[in-house]
Amino acid sequence: MTWGSTANDPFCSLEDGSSELELYFTAYTSFFHKARRSADEQIDWGKQELTLSEIQHKVKEYNAQINSNLYMVVNKDGSYTGFIKVHFQLVRPISLPPRQSLCSTQEEEQQCGRLKRRTSFYLPKDTAKHLHVSSHTRVREVIEALLNKFTVVDNPAKFALFERTERQSQVYMHKLSDDECPLYLRLCAGPSEKVLSLVLKENETGEVNWDAFSFPELCNFLRILQREEEEHVRQIVRRYALARDTMKQAMARITTPG
């Protein structure tokens, strides 16, 4: 795999632990539009089966439509290689490894080891990368290659690749499965990014994959849950204490003569 940059690479620094809520809305779409979307509105490029002659014809048409050197090349075995462009739409920061220690003695190394922390950054919203892949390169491999490019230490399972399409002023997002081949989708859809573009986003499945979090992150979740539990217990104790005092006052009024 080789790389080509289409956006500046500067990072925006942010302290560990910050996060924002991911919203899958765009300027043209809302949750209700997505809820009403029918299955036939989404073109499933991956279900198209192409013969070798069809692949050669499509590659020739594809190369004729682009105005750059990002051509596709068909190999003798029927496979082909080319470039895919991936846009980054990450709401949460990414984690980079700590800086290399400059400590000289063993005691200093132990001290530095205790102070090591991951560094978190926000990627610029307009970040996009060209990745040279083959027709056999799958989605999970693309995600791992993108993370390696930026030396991101987060678990690849935290991320997912989406296909973005525009039709009739509406924007639709569809999550790709790990075994799909992005270059094949690019070939079937053509070079137009309005017809299809690839977007890297946080993996929002509706279920929490706890294995995707690091040990410090899981410990932090436990501390938060513990504080919430303790606060909930205090509220229950206060409520029952108030009810007990109210009943004692009522009993005192009943048993007191007059």
Protein backbone atom coordinates (compact mmCIF):
# COMPACT_ATOMS: atom_id res chain seq x y z
CA MET A 1 0.00 0.00 0.00
CA THR A 2 1.25 3.48 -0.82
CA TRP A 3 0.02 6.86 0.28
CA GLY A 4 -0.84 10.24 -1.17
CA SER A 5 -2.08 13.17 0.87
CA THR A 6 -4.96 15.39 -0.19
CA ALA A 7 -5.15 17.49 2.97
CA ASN A 8 -2.79 19.04 5.44
CA ASP A 9 -1.60 16.76 8.22
CA PRO A 10 -1.51 19.09 11.28
CA PHE A 11 -3.22 17.84 14.43
CA CYS A 12 -5.22 19.80 16.95
CA SER A 13 -4.14 18.92 20.48
CA LEU A 14 -6.62 17.96 23.18
CA GLU A 15 -6.19 16.54 26.66
CA ASP A 16 -7.07 12.89 27.34
CA GLY A 17 -10.63 12.08 28.30
CA SER A 18 -12.43 14.63 26.14
CA SER A 19 -15.18 13.44 23.84
CA GLU A 20 -18.17 14.68 21.95
CA LEU A 21 -21.46 13.09 20.94
CA GLU A 22 -21.44 11.64 17.44
CA LEU A 23 -24.33 12.89 15.30
CA TYR A 24 -24.98 11.20 11.98
CA PHE A 25 -26.76 14.21 10.50
CA THR A 26 -25.70 16.28 7.49
CA ALA A 27 -26.88 19.54 5.96
CA TYR A 28 -29.40 17.67 3.83
CA THR A 29 -30.57 14.87 6.04
CA SER A 30 -32.04 14.15 9.45
CA PHE A 31 -32.81 11.16 11.61
CA PHE A 32 -36.35 11.03 10.23
CA HIS A 33 -35.13 10.91 6.64
CA LYS A 34 -32.95 7.95 7.52
CA ALA A 35 -35.76 6.20 9.36
CA ARG A 36 -37.99 6.44 6.28
CA ARG A 37 -35.28 5.29 3.87
CA SER A 38 -36.27 2.12 2.06
CA ALA A 39 -33.88 -0.63 1.07
CA ASP A 40 -34.13 0.08 -2.65
CA GLU A 41 -32.88 3.64 -2.18
CA GLN A 42 -29.40 2.34 -1.29
CA ILE A 43 -27.43 1.01 -4.24
CA ASP A 44 -25.55 -2.11 -3.22
CA TRP A 45 -22.46 -1.94 -5.42
CA GLY A 46 -20.95 -5.00 -3.77
CA LYS A 47 -23.63 -7.36 -5.16
CA GLN A 48 -22.61 -6.71 -8.76
CA GLU A 49 -20.57 -9.56 -10.25
CA LEU A 50 -18.18 -8.59 -13.03
CA THR A 51 -16.43 -10.80 -15.55
CA LEU A 52 -12.85 -10.15 -16.62
CA SER A 53 -13.98 -8.41 -19.82
CA GLU A 54 -16.42 -6.26 -17.83
CA ILE A 55 -13.67 -5.33 -15.37
CA GLN A 56 -11.35 -4.34 -18.22
CA HIS A 57 -14.10 -2.27 -19.83
CA LYS A 58 -15.01 -0.54 -16.55
CA VAL A 59 -11.36 0.21 -15.75
CA LYS A 60 -10.95 1.76 -19.20
CA GLU A 61 -14.07 3.91 -18.68
CA TYR A 62 -12.93 4.86 -15.18
CA ASN A 63 -9.47 5.98 -16.33
CA ALA A 64 -11.01 8.03 -19.14
CA GLN A 65 -13.06 10.05 -16.61
CA ILE A 66 -10.31 11.09 -14.21
CA ASN A 67 -8.00 14.07 -14.65
CA SER A 68 -5.07 12.84 -12.58
CA ASN A 69 -2.54 10.03 -12.45
CA LEU A 70 -4.69 7.99 -10.03
CA TYR A 71 -5.40 5.33 -12.64
CA MET A 72 -6.51 1.77 -12.14
CA VAL A 73 -4.41 -1.04 -13.62
CA VAL A 74 -5.69 -4.51 -14.51
CA ASN A 75 -3.34 -7.42 -13.84
CA LYS A 76 -3.04 -10.61 -15.88
CA ASP A 77 -4.82 -12.66 -13.22
CA GLY A 78 -7.91 -10.44 -13.42
CA SER A 79 -7.18 -8.49 -10.26
CA TYR A 80 -6.58 -4.75 -10.42
CA THR A 81 -5.01 -1.99 -8.37
CA GLY A 82 -5.82 1.66 -7.92
CA PHE A 83 -6.37 4.51 -5.49
CA ILE A 84 -9.23 5.10 -3.09
CA LYS A 85 -9.78 8.40 -1.30
CA VAL A 86 -10.90 8.19 2.33
CA HIS A 87 -12.37 11.20 4.15
CA PHE A 88 -12.02 11.44 7.92
CA GLN A 89 -15.12 12.44 9.90
CA LEU A 90 -14.02 11.63 13.44
CA VAL A 91 -15.81 13.43 16.23
CA ARG A 92 -13.75 11.99 19.06
CA PRO A 93 -9.98 12.49 19.43
CA ILE A 94 -7.51 9.81 18.40
CA SER A 95 -4.75 8.52 20.68
CA LEU A 96 -1.07 8.57 19.75
CA PRO A 97 1.72 6.74 21.56
CA PRO A 98 3.69 8.64 24.24
CA ARG A 99 6.91 10.32 23.25
CA GLN A 100 10.13 8.33 23.48
CA SER A 101 11.76 8.50 26.89
CA LEU A 102 15.04 10.42 27.22
CA CYS A 103 15.79 9.06 30.70
CA SER A 104 19.36 7.83 31.29
CA THR A 105 19.35 5.89 34.57
CA GLN A 106 17.10 3.02 35.62
CA GLU A 107 15.53 5.13 38.37
CA GLU A 108 14.77 7.88 35.87
CA GLU A 109 13.29 5.34 33.47
CA GLN A 110 10.96 4.08 36.21
CA GLN A 111 9.97 7.67 37.01
CA CYS A 112 9.34 8.42 33.34
CA GLY A 113 7.36 5.22 32.97
CA ARG A 114 4.96 6.36 35.68
CA LEU A 115 4.47 9.69 33.90
CA LYS A 116 3.86 8.25 30.42
CA ARG A 117 0.45 9.11 29.04
CA ARG A 118 -1.17 8.82 25.66
CA THR A 119 -1.53 12.03 23.69
CA SER A 120 -4.92 12.70 22.14
CA PHE A 121 -5.57 14.83 19.06
CA TYR A 122 -8.47 15.93 16.94
CA LEU A 123 -7.95 15.35 13.24
CA PRO A 124 -8.95 18.32 11.06
CA LYS A 125 -12.40 17.83 9.58
CA ASP A 126 -11.14 18.27 6.01
CA THR A 127 -8.53 15.51 6.29
CA ALA A 128 -8.52 13.02 3.40
CA LYS A 129 -6.02 10.43 2.24
CA HIS A 130 -5.42 8.54 -0.99
CA LEU A 131 -4.57 4.90 -0.41
CA HIS A 132 -3.19 2.59 -3.12
CA VAL A 133 -4.89 -0.79 -2.76
CA SER A 134 -5.77 -3.86 -4.79
CA SER A 135 -9.15 -5.33 -5.65
CA HIS A 136 -8.59 -7.89 -2.85
CA THR A 137 -7.94 -5.31 -0.10
CA ARG A 138 -10.79 -5.45 2.40
CA VAL A 139 -12.34 -2.79 4.62
CA ARG A 140 -10.62 -3.94 7.81
CA GLU A 141 -7.22 -3.77 6.11
CA VAL A 142 -7.98 -0.25 4.88
CA ILE A 143 -8.90 0.90 8.40
CA GLU A 144 -5.74 -0.62 9.88
CA ALA A 145 -3.59 1.01 7.19
CA LEU A 146 -5.17 4.42 7.85
CA LEU A 147 -4.52 4.13 11.59
CA ASN A 148 -0.94 3.02 11.01
CA LYS A 149 -0.38 6.05 8.79
CA PHE A 150 -1.16 8.36 11.71
CA THR A 151 0.42 5.99 14.30
CA VAL A 152 -2.94 5.77 16.05
CA VAL A 153 -2.87 3.31 18.96
CA ASP A 154 -6.66 3.04 19.32
CA ASN A 155 -8.20 -0.35 18.60
CA PRO A 156 -9.25 -0.57 14.91
CA ALA A 157 -12.58 -2.02 16.11
CA LYS A 158 -13.48 1.49 17.29
CA PHE A 159 -13.69 2.66 13.68
CA ALA A 160 -15.78 1.80 10.64
CA LEU A 161 -15.74 2.67 6.95
CA PHE A 162 -18.89 4.14 5.44
CA GLU A 163 -19.98 4.78 1.88
CA ARG A 164 -21.57 8.18 1.34
CA THR A 165 -23.94 8.85 -1.56
CA GLU A 166 -25.87 11.91 -2.73
CA ARG A 167 -29.18 11.59 -4.54
CA GLN A 168 -31.81 14.27 -5.11
CA SER A 169 -30.24 16.65 -2.56
CA GLN A 170 -30.25 13.90 0.05
CA VAL A 171 -27.14 12.43 1.68
CA TYR A 172 -27.09 8.77 2.71
CA MET A 173 -24.51 6.91 4.81
CA HIS A 174 -24.11 3.14 4.75
CA LYS A 175 -21.69 1.20 6.93
CA LEU A 176 -19.50 -1.26 5.02
CA SER A 177 -18.87 -4.74 6.36
CA ASP A 178 -15.29 -5.82 7.09
CA ASP A 179 -15.13 -8.23 4.15
CA GLU A 180 -16.12 -5.73 1.44
CA CYS A 181 -13.49 -4.47 -1.01
CA PRO A 182 -13.49 -0.64 -1.33
CA LEU A 183 -11.67 -0.58 -4.70
CA TYR A 184 -14.33 -2.84 -6.21
CA LEU A 185 -17.03 -0.45 -4.96
CA ARG A 186 -15.06 2.48 -6.40
CA LEU A 187 -14.86 0.78 -9.78
CA CYS A 188 -18.57 -0.06 -9.89
CA ALA A 189 -19.63 3.44 -8.81
CA GLY A 190 -17.15 5.33 -10.99
CA PRO A 191 -14.86 8.21 -9.98
CA SER A 192 -17.63 10.66 -8.96
CA GLU A 193 -17.62 11.25 -5.20
CA LYS A 194 -21.25 12.36 -5.31
CA VAL A 195 -22.17 8.89 -6.48
CA LEU A 196 -19.95 7.28 -3.85
CA SER A 197 -17.31 8.48 -1.40
CA LEU A 198 -15.59 6.63 1.44
CA VAL A 199 -15.69 8.03 4.97
CA LEU A 200 -13.94 6.87 8.13
CA LYS A 201 -16.10 7.37 11.23
CA GLU A 202 -16.45 6.05 14.75
CA ASN A 203 -17.97 2.59 14.87
CA GLU A 204 -21.46 3.13 16.31
CA THR A 205 -23.13 -0.28 16.44
CA GLY A 206 -25.60 0.36 19.25
CA GLU A 207 -23.76 -2.19 21.39
CA VAL A 208 -20.65 -1.45 23.43
CA ASN A 209 -17.63 -3.51 22.45
CA TRP A 210 -15.72 -3.42 25.74
CA ASP A 211 -12.78 -5.33 24.27
CA ALA A 212 -12.06 -2.32 22.07
CA PHE A 213 -11.16 -0.14 25.09
CA SER A 214 -7.82 0.02 26.85
CA PHE A 215 -7.38 -0.91 30.50
CA PRO A 216 -7.15 2.76 31.72
CA GLU A 217 -10.33 3.60 29.79
CA LEU A 218 -12.21 0.69 31.38
CA CYS A 219 -10.98 1.73 34.85
CA ASN A 220 -12.25 5.24 34.19
CA PHE A 221 -15.67 3.85 33.21
CA LEU A 222 -15.78 1.88 36.46
CA ARG A 223 -14.99 5.00 38.51
CA ILE A 224 -17.78 6.90 36.77
CA LEU A 225 -20.25 4.07 37.36
CA GLN A 226 -19.21 3.86 41.01
CA ARG A 227 -19.80 7.60 41.54
CA GLU A 228 -23.21 7.33 39.87
CA GLU A 229 -24.10 4.32 42.03
CA GLU A 230 -23.03 6.09 45.24
CA GLU A 231 -25.08 9.16 44.32
CA HIS A 232 -28.11 6.99 43.56
CA VAL A 233 -27.76 5.24 46.95
CA ARG A 234 -27.57 8.62 48.74
CA GLN A 235 -30.76 9.77 47.02
CA ILE A 236 -32.59 6.58 48.07
CA VAL A 237 -31.38 6.91 51.69
CA ARG A 238 -32.52 10.55 51.82
CA ARG A 239 -35.94 9.67 50.40
CA TYR A 240 -36.53 6.87 52.91
CA ALA A 241 -35.21 8.99 55.79
CA LEU A 242 -37.67 11.75 54.86
CA ALA A 243 -40.52 9.23 54.66
CA ARG A 244 -39.55 7.80 58.09
CA ASP A 245 -39.53 11.26 59.70
CA THR A 246 -42.92 12.08 58.15
CA MET A 247 -44.44 8.85 59.53
CA LYS A 248 -42.97 9.51 63.02
CA GLN A 249 -44.49 12.98 63.05
CA ALA A 250 -47.87 11.57 62.02
CA MET A 251 -47.67 8.89 64.74
CA ALA A 252 -46.77 11.51 67.34
CA ARG A 253 -49.86 13.58 66.46
CA ILE A 254 -52.08 10.50 66.74
CA THR A 255 -50.78 9.29 70.17
CA THR A 256 -50.59 12.77 71.80
CA PRO A 257 -53.81 13.57 73.80
CA GLY A 258 -55.79 16.54 72.43
